[in-house]
Amino acid sequence: MNKIDEIILKRDTTQENRRLYCLVLFDYYLDLYDKLVEQRFSNLKHHGINNKAMINFLFVCLHSVEDSYGLFEMFRHFKIGCGWSHRIIDVSQPDVERLFAMMPGYRLTGHKWEKKSPQQRSRIWESLNGQPVADFIKDSSVSQYAVMIDRGINELISLMPDDCLADLTLRRQAQTDWIKWMDLTGRFNLTQNTANGIKSRNLNICQNFTIEELSADKQLLLKGL
């Protein structure tokens, strides 16, 4: 059995297993996102990965919409959010913190995602011997979703304007430009419904979005790039 599957399937419940698979996929995404930013800005030191990475993950999910929800299918039981909670899972805040502590390679410090040192890894990943999730995920039971993340990074995130990837300066204008680009004059169902979901603390994917809305958003996003 694949090492990731072996570790996760030892957990207590099916629901816990699903949450851990989602965290592993998000961890995998953060690793690819970090590498992309480092390649794009090779002369930039300490760029960090901030909330843009979280929201851009929503765009990767959006890009995976075909005849089904794509990555949204994997996360449909969870609240994929940003901002007030930094959560991607539908559990209480203490449980969010507990589960994020189980992410293999990253931790949330303030508003930035940072790589964990081997000593900071949760004990449940000991059998990976310090190797990244990327070394195993392609053979795991969620490999199809990893492929969707690969495609989103290569075809979508890599095309985003620079200000959408990293905060190059502390200028407020850069953040304002990013919000304007993301919103595309407010035509995205994704950004509107996510904003409404954050206000009401309801980010259930199936309740907030239809495949038709997401498909329309995908075409709008590609047009905007």
C-alpha atoms as a PDB file:
ATOM      1  CA  MET A   1       0.000   0.000   0.000  1.00  0.00           C
ATOM      2  CA  ASN A   2       1.114   3.560  -0.692  1.00  0.00           C
ATOM      3  CA  LYS A   3       2.714   5.157   2.405  1.00  0.00           C
ATOM      4  CA  ILE A   4       0.284   8.083   2.507  1.00  0.00           C
ATOM      5  CA  ASP A   5      -2.707   5.742   2.283  1.00  0.00           C
ATOM      6  CA  GLU A   6      -1.193   3.494   4.937  1.00  0.00           C
ATOM      7  CA  ILE A   7      -0.718   6.388   7.363  1.00  0.00           C
ATOM      8  CA  ILE A   8      -4.134   7.967   6.821  1.00  0.00           C
ATOM      9  CA  LEU A   9      -6.169   4.763   6.828  1.00  0.00           C
ATOM     10  CA  LYS A  10      -4.874   4.011  10.316  1.00  0.00           C
ATOM     11  CA  ARG A  11      -6.825   6.999  11.652  1.00  0.00           C
ATOM     12  CA  ASP A  12     -10.003   6.577  13.642  1.00  0.00           C
ATOM     13  CA  THR A  13     -12.821   7.478  11.279  1.00  0.00           C
ATOM     14  CA  THR A  14     -13.648   7.848   7.610  1.00  0.00           C
ATOM     15  CA  GLN A  15     -14.384  11.534   8.159  1.00  0.00           C
ATOM     16  CA  GLU A  16     -10.973  12.053   9.769  1.00  0.00           C
ATOM     17  CA  ASN A  17      -9.362  10.204   6.861  1.00  0.00           C
ATOM     18  CA  ARG A  18     -11.038  12.508   4.346  1.00  0.00           C
ATOM     19  CA  ARG A  19      -9.896  15.581   6.242  1.00  0.00           C
ATOM     20  CA  LEU A  20      -6.317  14.328   6.287  1.00  0.00           C
ATOM     21  CA  TYR A  21      -6.408  13.617   2.551  1.00  0.00           C
ATOM     22  CA  CYS A  22      -7.601  17.200   2.002  1.00  0.00           C
ATOM     23  CA  LEU A  23      -4.754  18.522   4.138  1.00  0.00           C
ATOM     24  CA  VAL A  24      -2.251  16.388   2.233  1.00  0.00           C
ATOM     25  CA  LEU A  25      -3.556  17.738  -1.077  1.00  0.00           C
ATOM     26  CA  PHE A  26      -3.386  21.319   0.181  1.00  0.00           C
ATOM     27  CA  ASP A  27       0.135  20.667   1.487  1.00  0.00           C
ATOM     28  CA  TYR A  28       1.073  19.335  -1.952  1.00  0.00           C
ATOM     29  CA  TYR A  29      -0.417  22.435  -3.581  1.00  0.00           C
ATOM     30  CA  LEU A  30       1.523  24.758  -1.238  1.00  0.00           C
ATOM     31  CA  ASP A  31       4.759  23.006  -2.171  1.00  0.00           C
ATOM     32  CA  LEU A  32       4.133  23.509  -5.897  1.00  0.00           C
ATOM     33  CA  TYR A  33       2.994  27.102  -5.302  1.00  0.00           C
ATOM     34  CA  ASP A  34       6.145  27.835  -3.292  1.00  0.00           C
ATOM     35  CA  LYS A  35       8.371  26.427  -6.034  1.00  0.00           C
ATOM     36  CA  LEU A  36       6.559  28.496  -8.671  1.00  0.00           C
ATOM     37  CA  VAL A  37       6.997  31.704  -6.678  1.00  0.00           C
ATOM     38  CA  GLU A  38      10.672  30.951  -6.079  1.00  0.00           C
ATOM     39  CA  GLN A  39      11.211  30.352  -9.805  1.00  0.00           C
ATOM     40  CA  ARG A  40       9.287  33.468 -10.796  1.00  0.00           C
ATOM     41  CA  PHE A  41      11.096  35.692  -8.291  1.00  0.00           C
ATOM     42  CA  SER A  42      14.538  34.132  -8.009  1.00  0.00           C
ATOM     43  CA  ASN A  43      16.064  37.372  -6.668  1.00  0.00           C
ATOM     44  CA  LEU A  44      13.381  37.921  -4.040  1.00  0.00           C
ATOM     45  CA  LYS A  45      14.267  36.894  -0.501  1.00  0.00           C
ATOM     46  CA  HIS A  46      11.771  35.856   2.140  1.00  0.00           C
ATOM     47  CA  HIS A  47       8.762  36.198  -0.154  1.00  0.00           C
ATOM     48  CA  GLY A  48       6.614  34.044   2.108  1.00  0.00           C
ATOM     49  CA  ILE A  49       3.338  32.456   1.073  1.00  0.00           C
ATOM     50  CA  ASN A  50       0.393  34.470   2.324  1.00  0.00           C
ATOM     51  CA  ASN A  51      -3.387  34.350   1.989  1.00  0.00           C
ATOM     52  CA  LYS A  52      -3.062  34.725  -1.779  1.00  0.00           C
ATOM     53  CA  ALA A  53      -1.979  31.093  -1.875  1.00  0.00           C
ATOM     54  CA  MET A  54      -5.207  30.062  -0.152  1.00  0.00           C
ATOM     55  CA  ILE A  55      -7.463  32.059  -2.452  1.00  0.00           C
ATOM     56  CA  ASN A  56      -5.507  31.004  -5.526  1.00  0.00           C
ATOM     57  CA  PHE A  57      -6.161  27.427  -4.427  1.00  0.00           C
ATOM     58  CA  LEU A  58      -9.842  28.188  -5.009  1.00  0.00           C
ATOM     59  CA  PHE A  59      -8.922  29.134  -8.570  1.00  0.00           C
ATOM     60  CA  VAL A  60      -7.057  25.837  -9.010  1.00  0.00           C
ATOM     61  CA  CYS A  61     -10.204  24.063  -7.785  1.00  0.00           C
ATOM     62  CA  LEU A  62     -12.240  26.157 -10.217  1.00  0.00           C
ATOM     63  CA  HIS A  63      -9.918  25.275 -13.081  1.00  0.00           C
ATOM     64  CA  SER A  64     -10.555  21.572 -12.405  1.00  0.00           C
ATOM     65  CA  VAL A  65     -14.284  21.855 -13.095  1.00  0.00           C
ATOM     66  CA  GLU A  66     -15.184  19.716 -16.099  1.00  0.00           C
ATOM     67  CA  ASP A  67     -18.200  17.417 -16.127  1.00  0.00           C
ATOM     68  CA  SER A  68     -18.037  17.191 -12.336  1.00  0.00           C
ATOM     69  CA  TYR A  69     -16.851  19.363  -9.503  1.00  0.00           C
ATOM     70  CA  GLY A  70     -13.253  18.253  -9.997  1.00  0.00           C
ATOM     71  CA  LEU A  71     -11.279  19.245  -6.900  1.00  0.00           C
ATOM     72  CA  PHE A  72     -14.474  20.676  -5.478  1.00  0.00           C
ATOM     73  CA  GLU A  73     -15.658  17.067  -5.394  1.00  0.00           C
ATOM     74  CA  MET A  74     -12.858  16.152  -3.012  1.00  0.00           C
ATOM     75  CA  PHE A  75     -13.558  19.142  -0.798  1.00  0.00           C
ATOM     76  CA  ARG A  76     -17.351  19.111  -1.067  1.00  0.00           C
ATOM     77  CA  HIS A  77     -17.794  17.984   2.544  1.00  0.00           C
ATOM     78  CA  PHE A  78     -15.598  20.765   3.834  1.00  0.00           C
ATOM     79  CA  LYS A  79     -15.621  24.531   4.129  1.00  0.00           C
ATOM     80  CA  ILE A  80     -12.981  25.834   1.736  1.00  0.00           C
ATOM     81  CA  GLY A  81     -12.494  29.319   3.103  1.00  0.00           C
ATOM     82  CA  CYS A  82     -10.036  32.097   3.631  1.00  0.00           C
ATOM     83  CA  GLY A  83      -9.818  35.274   5.646  1.00  0.00           C
ATOM     84  CA  TRP A  84     -11.524  35.031   9.040  1.00  0.00           C
ATOM     85  CA  SER A  85     -10.624  31.416   9.770  1.00  0.00           C
ATOM     86  CA  HIS A  86      -7.896  30.291   7.339  1.00  0.00           C
ATOM     87  CA  ARG A  87      -9.737  26.993   7.241  1.00  0.00           C
ATOM     88  CA  ILE A  88     -10.369  24.468   4.525  1.00  0.00           C
ATOM     89  CA  ILE A  89     -12.239  22.024   6.716  1.00  0.00           C
ATOM     90  CA  ASP A  90     -15.625  22.023   8.431  1.00  0.00           C
ATOM     91  CA  VAL A  91     -14.620  21.592  12.074  1.00  0.00           C
ATOM     92  CA  SER A  92     -14.253  23.759  15.165  1.00  0.00           C
ATOM     93  CA  GLN A  93     -11.293  26.127  15.484  1.00  0.00           C
ATOM     94  CA  PRO A  94      -9.419  23.888  17.993  1.00  0.00           C
ATOM     95  CA  ASP A  95      -9.802  20.977  15.581  1.00  0.00           C
ATOM     96  CA  VAL A  96      -8.621  23.165  12.692  1.00  0.00           C
ATOM     97  CA  GLU A  97      -5.469  23.942  14.648  1.00  0.00           C
ATOM     98  CA  ARG A  98      -5.022  20.279  15.540  1.00  0.00           C
ATOM     99  CA  LEU A  99      -5.431  19.125  11.954  1.00  0.00           C
ATOM    100  CA  PHE A 100      -3.217  21.867  10.518  1.00  0.00           C
ATOM    101  CA  ALA A 101      -0.547  20.664  12.947  1.00  0.00           C
ATOM    102  CA  MET A 102      -0.805  17.343  11.089  1.00  0.00           C
ATOM    103  CA  MET A 103       0.021  18.883   7.704  1.00  0.00           C
ATOM    104  CA  PRO A 104       3.201  17.130   6.547  1.00  0.00           C
ATOM    105  CA  GLY A 105       5.280  20.026   5.228  1.00  0.00           C
ATOM    106  CA  TYR A 106       3.726  23.397   6.116  1.00  0.00           C
ATOM    107  CA  ARG A 107       2.414  25.349   9.074  1.00  0.00           C
ATOM    108  CA  LEU A 108       0.414  28.553   9.354  1.00  0.00           C
ATOM    109  CA  THR A 109       2.275  31.313  11.188  1.00  0.00           C
ATOM    110  CA  GLY A 110       0.305  34.517  11.442  1.00  0.00           C
ATOM    111  CA  HIS A 111      -0.949  35.041   7.888  1.00  0.00           C
ATOM    112  CA  LYS A 112       1.833  33.131   6.147  1.00  0.00           C
ATOM    113  CA  TRP A 113       2.404  29.493   5.293  1.00  0.00           C
ATOM    114  CA  GLU A 114       5.916  28.354   6.170  1.00  0.00           C
ATOM    115  CA  LYS A 115       7.785  25.130   5.586  1.00  0.00           C
ATOM    116  CA  LYS A 116       8.161  22.929   8.627  1.00  0.00           C
ATOM    117  CA  SER A 117      11.536  21.634   9.674  1.00  0.00           C
ATOM    118  CA  PRO A 118      11.791  17.832   9.997  1.00  0.00           C
ATOM    119  CA  GLN A 119      11.646  18.254  13.786  1.00  0.00           C
ATOM    120  CA  GLN A 120       8.319  20.081  13.526  1.00  0.00           C
ATOM    121  CA  ARG A 121       6.554  17.353  11.587  1.00  0.00           C
ATOM    122  CA  SER A 122       3.729  15.483  13.262  1.00  0.00           C
ATOM    123  CA  ARG A 123       4.703  11.992  14.398  1.00  0.00           C
ATOM    124  CA  ILE A 124       2.095  10.417  12.142  1.00  0.00           C
ATOM    125  CA  TRP A 125       4.358  11.110   9.140  1.00  0.00           C
ATOM    126  CA  GLU A 126       7.457   9.423  10.597  1.00  0.00           C
ATOM    127  CA  SER A 127       7.364   6.621   8.057  1.00  0.00           C
ATOM    128  CA  LEU A 128       7.899   9.175   5.252  1.00  0.00           C
ATOM    129  CA  ASN A 129      11.430   9.644   6.666  1.00  0.00           C
ATOM    130  CA  GLY A 130      11.377  13.384   6.053  1.00  0.00           C
ATOM    131  CA  GLN A 131      10.492  13.014   2.384  1.00  0.00           C
ATOM    132  CA  PRO A 132       7.902  15.414   0.919  1.00  0.00           C
ATOM    133  CA  VAL A 133       4.340  14.382   0.175  1.00  0.00           C
ATOM    134  CA  ALA A 134       5.082  14.934  -3.522  1.00  0.00           C
ATOM    135  CA  ASP A 135       7.254  11.796  -3.517  1.00  0.00           C
ATOM    136  CA  PHE A 136       4.262   9.630  -2.670  1.00  0.00           C
ATOM    137  CA  ILE A 137       1.036  11.359  -3.638  1.00  0.00           C
ATOM    138  CA  LYS A 138       1.110  10.364  -7.325  1.00  0.00           C
ATOM    139  CA  ASP A 139       0.686   6.719  -6.295  1.00  0.00           C
ATOM    140  CA  SER A 140      -1.888   7.359  -3.569  1.00  0.00           C
ATOM    141  CA  SER A 141      -5.648   6.958  -3.732  1.00  0.00           C
ATOM    142  CA  VAL A 142      -6.020  10.728  -4.317  1.00  0.00           C
ATOM    143  CA  SER A 143      -3.582  10.822  -7.223  1.00  0.00           C
ATOM    144  CA  GLN A 144      -6.269  12.055  -9.642  1.00  0.00           C
ATOM    145  CA  TYR A 145      -6.704  15.175  -7.540  1.00  0.00           C
ATOM    146  CA  ALA A 146      -2.952  15.734  -7.435  1.00  0.00           C
ATOM    147  CA  VAL A 147      -3.006  15.707 -11.239  1.00  0.00           C
ATOM    148  CA  MET A 148      -5.718  18.400 -11.172  1.00  0.00           C
ATOM    149  CA  ILE A 149      -3.482  20.499  -8.909  1.00  0.00           C
ATOM    150  CA  ASP A 150      -0.560  19.976 -11.286  1.00  0.00           C
ATOM    151  CA  ARG A 151      -2.676  21.153 -14.193  1.00  0.00           C
ATOM    152  CA  GLY A 152      -3.937  24.164 -12.266  1.00  0.00           C
ATOM    153  CA  ILE A 153      -0.407  25.204 -11.318  1.00  0.00           C
ATOM    154  CA  ASN A 154       0.908  24.776 -14.845  1.00  0.00           C
ATOM    155  CA  GLU A 155      -1.993  26.164 -16.834  1.00  0.00           C
ATOM    156  CA  LEU A 156      -3.566  28.697 -14.505  1.00  0.00           C
ATOM    157  CA  ILE A 157      -1.482  29.896 -11.571  1.00  0.00           C
ATOM    158  CA  SER A 158       1.634  30.240 -13.726  1.00  0.00           C
ATOM    159  CA  LEU A 159      -0.284  32.681 -15.962  1.00  0.00           C
ATOM    160  CA  MET A 160      -1.424  34.954 -13.142  1.00  0.00           C
ATOM    161  CA  PRO A 161       0.017  38.486 -12.914  1.00  0.00           C
ATOM    162  CA  ASP A 162       2.951  38.806 -10.522  1.00  0.00           C
ATOM    163  CA  ASP A 163       0.963  40.666  -7.885  1.00  0.00           C
ATOM    164  CA  CYS A 164      -1.386  37.691  -7.692  1.00  0.00           C
ATOM    165  CA  LEU A 165       1.395  35.339  -6.604  1.00  0.00           C
ATOM    166  CA  ALA A 166       3.390  37.139  -3.933  1.00  0.00           C
ATOM    167  CA  ASP A 167       3.483  40.395  -2.017  1.00  0.00           C
ATOM    168  CA  LEU A 168       6.554  41.967  -3.567  1.00  0.00           C
ATOM    169  CA  THR A 169       6.360  45.078  -1.382  1.00  0.00           C
ATOM    170  CA  LEU A 170       4.298  46.351   1.488  1.00  0.00           C
ATOM    171  CA  ARG A 171       2.511  48.763  -0.809  1.00  0.00           C
ATOM    172  CA  ARG A 172      -1.243  48.713  -0.254  1.00  0.00           C
ATOM    173  CA  GLN A 173      -1.700  49.407  -3.975  1.00  0.00           C
ATOM    174  CA  ALA A 174      -0.347  45.967  -4.886  1.00  0.00           C
ATOM    175  CA  GLN A 175      -3.001  44.344  -2.711  1.00  0.00           C
ATOM    176  CA  THR A 176      -5.680  46.577  -4.218  1.00  0.00           C
ATOM    177  CA  ASP A 177      -4.610  45.638  -7.757  1.00  0.00           C
ATOM    178  CA  TRP A 178      -4.786  41.956  -6.845  1.00  0.00           C
ATOM    179  CA  ILE A 179      -8.298  42.279  -5.459  1.00  0.00           C
ATOM    180  CA  LYS A 180      -9.412  44.105  -8.604  1.00  0.00           C
ATOM    181  CA  TRP A 181      -7.940  41.376 -10.804  1.00  0.00           C
ATOM    182  CA  MET A 182      -9.448  38.583  -8.727  1.00  0.00           C
ATOM    183  CA  ASP A 183     -12.881  40.143  -8.755  1.00  0.00           C
ATOM    184  CA  LEU A 184     -12.936  40.971 -12.478  1.00  0.00           C
ATOM    185  CA  THR A 185     -15.581  43.662 -11.813  1.00  0.00           C
ATOM    186  CA  GLY A 186     -17.531  41.326  -9.577  1.00  0.00           C
ATOM    187  CA  ARG A 187     -18.608  38.883 -12.265  1.00  0.00           C
ATOM    188  CA  PHE A 188     -17.235  35.789 -10.540  1.00  0.00           C
ATOM    189  CA  ASN A 189     -19.831  33.669  -8.790  1.00  0.00           C
ATOM    190  CA  LEU A 190     -16.824  32.214  -6.971  1.00  0.00           C
ATOM    191  CA  THR A 191     -15.674  35.449  -5.346  1.00  0.00           C
ATOM    192  CA  GLN A 192     -19.183  36.708  -4.664  1.00  0.00           C
ATOM    193  CA  ASN A 193     -20.409  33.470  -3.132  1.00  0.00           C
ATOM    194  CA  THR A 194     -17.223  32.956  -1.162  1.00  0.00           C
ATOM    195  CA  ALA A 195     -17.474  36.479   0.243  1.00  0.00           C
ATOM    196  CA  ASN A 196     -21.114  35.875   1.187  1.00  0.00           C
ATOM    197  CA  GLY A 197     -20.158  32.538   2.693  1.00  0.00           C
ATOM    198  CA  ILE A 198     -17.451  34.113   4.835  1.00  0.00           C
ATOM    199  CA  LYS A 199     -19.917  36.699   6.158  1.00  0.00           C
ATOM    200  CA  SER A 200     -22.450  34.029   7.063  1.00  0.00           C
ATOM    201  CA  ARG A 201     -19.795  31.464   8.013  1.00  0.00           C
ATOM    202  CA  ASN A 202     -21.378  29.083   5.525  1.00  0.00           C
ATOM    203  CA  LEU A 203     -18.874  27.829   2.963  1.00  0.00           C
ATOM    204  CA  ASN A 204     -20.535  24.555   2.061  1.00  0.00           C
ATOM    205  CA  ILE A 205     -19.556  24.075  -1.582  1.00  0.00           C
ATOM    206  CA  CYS A 206     -22.729  22.281  -2.660  1.00  0.00           C
ATOM    207  CA  GLN A 207     -24.963  24.918  -1.081  1.00  0.00           C
ATOM    208  CA  ASN A 208     -23.117  27.905  -2.496  1.00  0.00           C
ATOM    209  CA  PHE A 209     -22.302  26.839  -6.052  1.00  0.00           C
ATOM    210  CA  THR A 210     -23.743  24.979  -9.013  1.00  0.00           C
ATOM    211  CA  ILE A 211     -21.661  23.320 -11.711  1.00  0.00           C
ATOM    212  CA  GLU A 212     -23.138  25.780 -14.211  1.00  0.00           C
ATOM    213  CA  GLU A 213     -21.930  28.747 -12.138  1.00  0.00           C
ATOM    214  CA  LEU A 214     -18.488  27.248 -11.687  1.00  0.00           C
ATOM    215  CA  SER A 215     -18.182  26.391 -15.376  1.00  0.00           C
ATOM    216  CA  ALA A 216     -19.092  29.966 -16.292  1.00  0.00           C
ATOM    217  CA  ASP A 217     -16.519  31.226 -13.803  1.00  0.00           C
ATOM    218  CA  LYS A 218     -13.871  28.966 -15.301  1.00  0.00           C
ATOM    219  CA  GLN A 219     -14.420  30.466 -18.753  1.00  0.00           C
ATOM    220  CA  LEU A 220     -14.372  33.974 -17.306  1.00  0.00           C
ATOM    221  CA  LEU A 221     -11.141  33.241 -15.436  1.00  0.00           C
ATOM    222  CA  LEU A 222      -9.425  31.888 -18.549  1.00  0.00           C
ATOM    223  CA  LYS A 223     -10.596  34.925 -20.512  1.00  0.00           C
ATOM    224  CA  GLY A 224      -9.170  37.211 -17.814  1.00  0.00           C
ATOM    225  CA  LEU A 225      -5.746  35.599 -18.143  1.00  0.00           C
END
